[in-house]
């Protein structure tokens, strides 16, 4: 699987009011960049907190999307096909 390339993430680019990415891959890519930036130790404390909060939002989005796929797989495994509406 290839990683999505995007511009480096800073908390200035991703305030808490920013919309979350539409795809799992987009959220995961932003989360990976954010974690690398947080781990660099080069952020002021207030930006660390904002970055942590954004990371929590991105993590929840990834978990929700994975859960939706898992639920669909369970439906398919039971021999029942339902329309899947991604969240």
N, C-alpha and C. Protein backbone atom coordinates (compact mmCIF):
# COMPACT_ATOMS: atom_id res chain seq x y z
N UNK A 1 0.84 -1.16 0.00
CA UNK A 1 0.00 0.00 0.00
C UNK A 1 0.89 1.23 0.00
N UNK A 2 0.60 2.18 -0.85
CA UNK A 2 1.40 3.38 -0.90
C UNK A 2 0.80 4.43 0.01
N UNK A 3 1.67 5.26 0.53
CA UNK A 3 1.21 6.34 1.38
C UNK A 3 0.86 7.54 0.54
N UNK A 4 -0.19 8.22 0.92
CA UNK A 4 -0.58 9.43 0.22
C UNK A 4 0.44 10.51 0.53
N UNK A 5 0.87 11.22 -0.49
CA UNK A 5 1.79 12.30 -0.24
C UNK A 5 1.00 13.59 -0.14
N UNK A 6 1.31 14.33 0.86
CA UNK A 6 0.62 15.58 1.09
C UNK A 6 1.62 16.54 1.71
N UNK A 7 1.24 17.80 1.77
CA UNK A 7 2.15 18.77 2.36
C UNK A 7 2.28 18.49 3.85
N UNK A 8 3.39 18.87 4.45
CA UNK A 8 3.57 18.65 5.88
C UNK A 8 2.46 19.30 6.68
N UNK A 9 2.12 18.67 7.76
CA UNK A 9 1.01 19.14 8.59
C UNK A 9 1.56 19.99 9.72
N UNK A 10 0.92 21.10 9.93
CA UNK A 10 1.19 21.88 11.13
C UNK A 10 -0.16 22.19 11.75
N UNK A 11 -0.17 22.52 13.01
CA UNK A 11 -1.45 22.82 13.63
C UNK A 11 -2.05 24.07 13.04
N UNK A 12 -1.24 24.92 12.44
CA UNK A 12 -1.79 26.10 11.77
C UNK A 12 -2.60 25.68 10.55
N UNK A 13 -2.21 24.58 9.90
CA UNK A 13 -2.92 24.08 8.74
C UNK A 13 -4.15 23.27 9.14
N UNK A 14 -4.20 22.77 10.36
CA UNK A 14 -5.27 21.87 10.76
C UNK A 14 -5.90 22.28 12.08
N UNK A 15 -6.49 23.46 12.14
CA UNK A 15 -7.15 23.83 13.39
C UNK A 15 -8.33 22.92 13.66
N UNK A 16 -8.77 22.88 14.88
CA UNK A 16 -9.84 21.97 15.25
C UNK A 16 -11.11 22.22 14.45
N UNK A 17 -11.30 23.42 13.93
CA UNK A 17 -12.49 23.72 13.15
C UNK A 17 -12.42 23.19 11.72
N UNK A 18 -11.25 22.77 11.27
CA UNK A 18 -11.11 22.25 9.90
C UNK A 18 -11.92 20.98 9.72
N UNK A 19 -12.46 20.84 8.52
CA UNK A 19 -13.20 19.62 8.21
C UNK A 19 -12.24 18.44 8.20
N UNK A 20 -12.76 17.30 8.59
CA UNK A 20 -11.95 16.08 8.56
C UNK A 20 -11.85 15.57 7.13
N UNK A 21 -10.79 14.85 6.81
CA UNK A 21 -10.67 14.27 5.47
C UNK A 21 -11.85 13.36 5.15
N UNK A 22 -12.17 13.24 3.88
CA UNK A 22 -13.31 12.43 3.46
C UNK A 22 -12.99 10.95 3.42
N UNK A 23 -11.72 10.59 3.33
CA UNK A 23 -11.36 9.19 3.19
C UNK A 23 -10.51 8.71 4.36
N UNK A 24 -10.50 7.40 4.53
CA UNK A 24 -9.65 6.78 5.53
C UNK A 24 -8.19 7.08 5.24
N UNK A 25 -7.82 6.94 3.96
CA UNK A 25 -6.43 7.15 3.57
C UNK A 25 -5.99 8.60 3.83
N UNK A 26 -6.89 9.54 3.57
CA UNK A 26 -6.58 10.94 3.84
C UNK A 26 -6.38 11.21 5.32
N UNK A 27 -7.26 10.64 6.14
CA UNK A 27 -7.15 10.82 7.59
C UNK A 27 -5.89 10.16 8.12
N UNK A 28 -5.60 8.96 7.63
CA UNK A 28 -4.41 8.25 8.10
C UNK A 28 -3.14 8.99 7.71
N UNK A 29 -3.10 9.50 6.49
CA UNK A 29 -1.92 10.26 6.04
C UNK A 29 -1.71 11.50 6.88
N UNK A 30 -2.79 12.23 7.15
CA UNK A 30 -2.67 13.43 7.98
C UNK A 30 -2.25 13.06 9.39
N UNK A 31 -2.81 11.98 9.91
CA UNK A 31 -2.47 11.54 11.26
C UNK A 31 -0.99 11.16 11.36
N UNK A 32 -0.48 10.44 10.36
CA UNK A 32 0.94 10.04 10.37
C UNK A 32 1.84 11.27 10.35
N UNK A 33 1.50 12.26 9.54
CA UNK A 33 2.30 13.48 9.47
C UNK A 33 2.22 14.25 10.78
N UNK A 34 1.04 14.30 11.36
CA UNK A 34 0.85 15.01 12.61
C UNK A 34 1.65 14.36 13.73
N UNK A 35 1.63 13.05 13.80
CA UNK A 35 2.39 12.33 14.83
C UNK A 35 3.89 12.61 14.68
N UNK A 36 4.39 12.59 13.45
CA UNK A 36 5.80 12.88 13.22
C UNK A 36 6.14 14.30 13.68
N UNK A 37 5.24 15.23 13.40
CA UNK A 37 5.47 16.62 13.81
C UNK A 37 5.43 16.75 15.34
N UNK A 38 4.48 16.07 15.97
CA UNK A 38 4.39 16.11 17.44
C UNK A 38 5.62 15.50 18.08
N UNK A 39 6.11 14.40 17.50
CA UNK A 39 7.26 13.71 18.07
C UNK A 39 8.57 14.45 17.85
N UNK A 40 8.57 15.42 16.94
CA UNK A 40 9.80 16.16 16.65
C UNK A 40 10.24 17.01 17.84
N UNK A 41 9.28 17.34 18.70
CA UNK A 41 9.61 18.15 19.87
C UNK A 41 9.81 19.61 19.56
N UNK A 42 9.46 20.04 18.37
CA UNK A 42 9.70 21.42 17.95
C UNK A 42 8.44 22.29 18.03
N UNK A 43 7.42 21.83 18.73
CA UNK A 43 6.17 22.59 18.80
C UNK A 43 6.01 23.21 20.17
N UNK A 44 5.50 24.45 20.22
CA UNK A 44 5.18 25.04 21.52
C UNK A 44 4.03 24.28 22.18
N UNK A 45 3.90 24.44 23.46
CA UNK A 45 2.92 23.69 24.24
C UNK A 45 1.50 23.86 23.72
N UNK A 46 1.08 25.08 23.39
CA UNK A 46 -0.29 25.28 22.93
C UNK A 46 -0.53 24.57 21.60
N UNK A 47 0.47 24.52 20.73
CA UNK A 47 0.34 23.80 19.47
C UNK A 47 0.33 22.29 19.70
N UNK A 48 1.07 21.85 20.70
CA UNK A 48 1.05 20.41 21.03
C UNK A 48 -0.35 19.97 21.43
N UNK A 49 -1.00 20.77 22.25
CA UNK A 49 -2.36 20.44 22.69
C UNK A 49 -3.32 20.42 21.50
N UNK A 50 -3.25 21.44 20.65
CA UNK A 50 -4.12 21.50 19.47
C UNK A 50 -3.83 20.32 18.54
N UNK A 51 -2.57 19.98 18.38
CA UNK A 51 -2.19 18.85 17.54
C UNK A 51 -2.70 17.53 18.10
N UNK A 52 -2.61 17.38 19.41
CA UNK A 52 -3.11 16.18 20.06
C UNK A 52 -4.61 16.05 19.86
N UNK A 53 -5.33 17.16 20.01
CA UNK A 53 -6.78 17.13 19.82
C UNK A 53 -7.15 16.79 18.38
N UNK A 54 -6.42 17.37 17.42
CA UNK A 54 -6.67 17.05 16.01
C UNK A 54 -6.37 15.57 15.77
N UNK A 55 -5.30 15.07 16.33
CA UNK A 55 -4.96 13.66 16.20
C UNK A 55 -6.04 12.75 16.74
N UNK A 56 -6.64 13.14 17.86
CA UNK A 56 -7.73 12.34 18.43
C UNK A 56 -8.93 12.31 17.49
N UNK A 57 -9.21 13.45 16.84
CA UNK A 57 -10.30 13.49 15.86
C UNK A 57 -10.00 12.57 14.67
N UNK A 58 -8.78 12.65 14.17
CA UNK A 58 -8.40 11.83 13.02
C UNK A 58 -8.43 10.34 13.37
N UNK A 59 -7.95 10.01 14.56
CA UNK A 59 -7.96 8.62 15.00
C UNK A 59 -9.38 8.09 15.10
N UNK A 60 -10.28 8.88 15.64
CA UNK A 60 -11.68 8.45 15.74
C UNK A 60 -12.29 8.25 14.36
N UNK A 61 -11.98 9.13 13.43
CA UNK A 61 -12.48 8.98 12.06
C UNK A 61 -11.98 7.67 11.45
N UNK A 62 -10.70 7.38 11.62
CA UNK A 62 -10.14 6.13 11.09
C UNK A 62 -10.82 4.92 11.73
N UNK A 63 -11.00 4.96 13.03
CA UNK A 63 -11.67 3.85 13.72
C UNK A 63 -13.10 3.66 13.23
N UNK A 64 -13.82 4.78 13.04
CA UNK A 64 -15.21 4.70 12.57
C UNK A 64 -15.28 4.09 11.17
N UNK A 65 -14.38 4.50 10.30
CA UNK A 65 -14.39 3.97 8.93
C UNK A 65 -14.02 2.49 8.92
N UNK A 66 -13.05 2.10 9.73
CA UNK A 66 -12.69 0.68 9.82
C UNK A 66 -13.85 -0.14 10.39
N UNK A 67 -14.55 0.40 11.37
CA UNK A 67 -15.69 -0.31 11.95
C UNK A 67 -16.79 -0.49 10.91
N UNK A 68 -17.03 0.53 10.08
CA UNK A 68 -18.05 0.43 9.04
C UNK A 68 -17.70 -0.67 8.04
N UNK A 69 -16.44 -0.78 7.69
CA UNK A 69 -16.01 -1.84 6.77
C UNK A 69 -16.15 -3.20 7.44
N UNK A 70 -15.75 -3.29 8.70
CA UNK A 70 -15.88 -4.55 9.43
C UNK A 70 -17.34 -4.99 9.52
N UNK A 71 -18.23 -4.05 9.77
CA UNK A 71 -19.66 -4.36 9.83
C UNK A 71 -20.16 -4.88 8.48
N UNK A 72 -19.70 -4.29 7.40
CA UNK A 72 -20.11 -4.73 6.07
C UNK A 72 -19.59 -6.14 5.78
N UNK A 73 -18.38 -6.42 6.20
CA UNK A 73 -17.81 -7.76 6.00
C UNK A 73 -18.63 -8.79 6.77
N UNK A 74 -19.04 -8.45 7.97
CA UNK A 74 -19.88 -9.36 8.75
C UNK A 74 -21.18 -9.66 8.03
N UNK A 75 -21.77 -8.64 7.42
CA UNK A 75 -23.01 -8.82 6.66
C UNK A 75 -22.75 -9.75 5.48
N UNK A 76 -21.67 -9.54 4.78
CA UNK A 76 -21.35 -10.37 3.62
C UNK A 76 -21.06 -11.81 4.04
N UNK A 77 -20.38 -11.98 5.15
CA UNK A 77 -20.06 -13.32 5.63
C UNK A 77 -21.30 -14.10 6.03
N UNK A 78 -22.33 -13.42 6.44
CA UNK A 78 -23.57 -14.09 6.83
C UNK A 78 -24.44 -14.40 5.62
N UNK A 79 -23.96 -14.10 4.42
CA UNK A 79 -24.72 -14.40 3.21
C UNK A 79 -25.78 -13.39 2.88
N UNK A 80 -25.80 -12.29 3.61
CA UNK A 80 -26.78 -11.26 3.37
C UNK A 80 -26.08 -10.05 2.79
N UNK A 81 -26.59 -9.55 1.70
CA UNK A 81 -25.99 -8.38 1.09
C UNK A 81 -26.89 -7.18 1.32
N UNK A 82 -26.34 -6.19 2.01
CA UNK A 82 -27.06 -4.95 2.25
C UNK A 82 -26.29 -3.83 1.57
N UNK A 83 -26.99 -2.79 1.21
CA UNK A 83 -26.31 -1.63 0.67
C UNK A 83 -25.47 -1.01 1.77
N UNK A 84 -24.22 -0.66 1.43
CA UNK A 84 -23.32 -0.07 2.40
C UNK A 84 -23.22 1.41 2.11
N UNK A 85 -23.46 2.20 3.13
CA UNK A 85 -23.37 3.64 2.99
C UNK A 85 -22.19 4.11 3.85
N UNK A 86 -21.07 4.47 3.19
CA UNK A 86 -19.93 4.93 3.98
C UNK A 86 -20.28 6.17 4.76
N UNK A 87 -19.66 6.29 5.92
CA UNK A 87 -19.95 7.44 6.79
C UNK A 87 -19.05 8.57 6.46
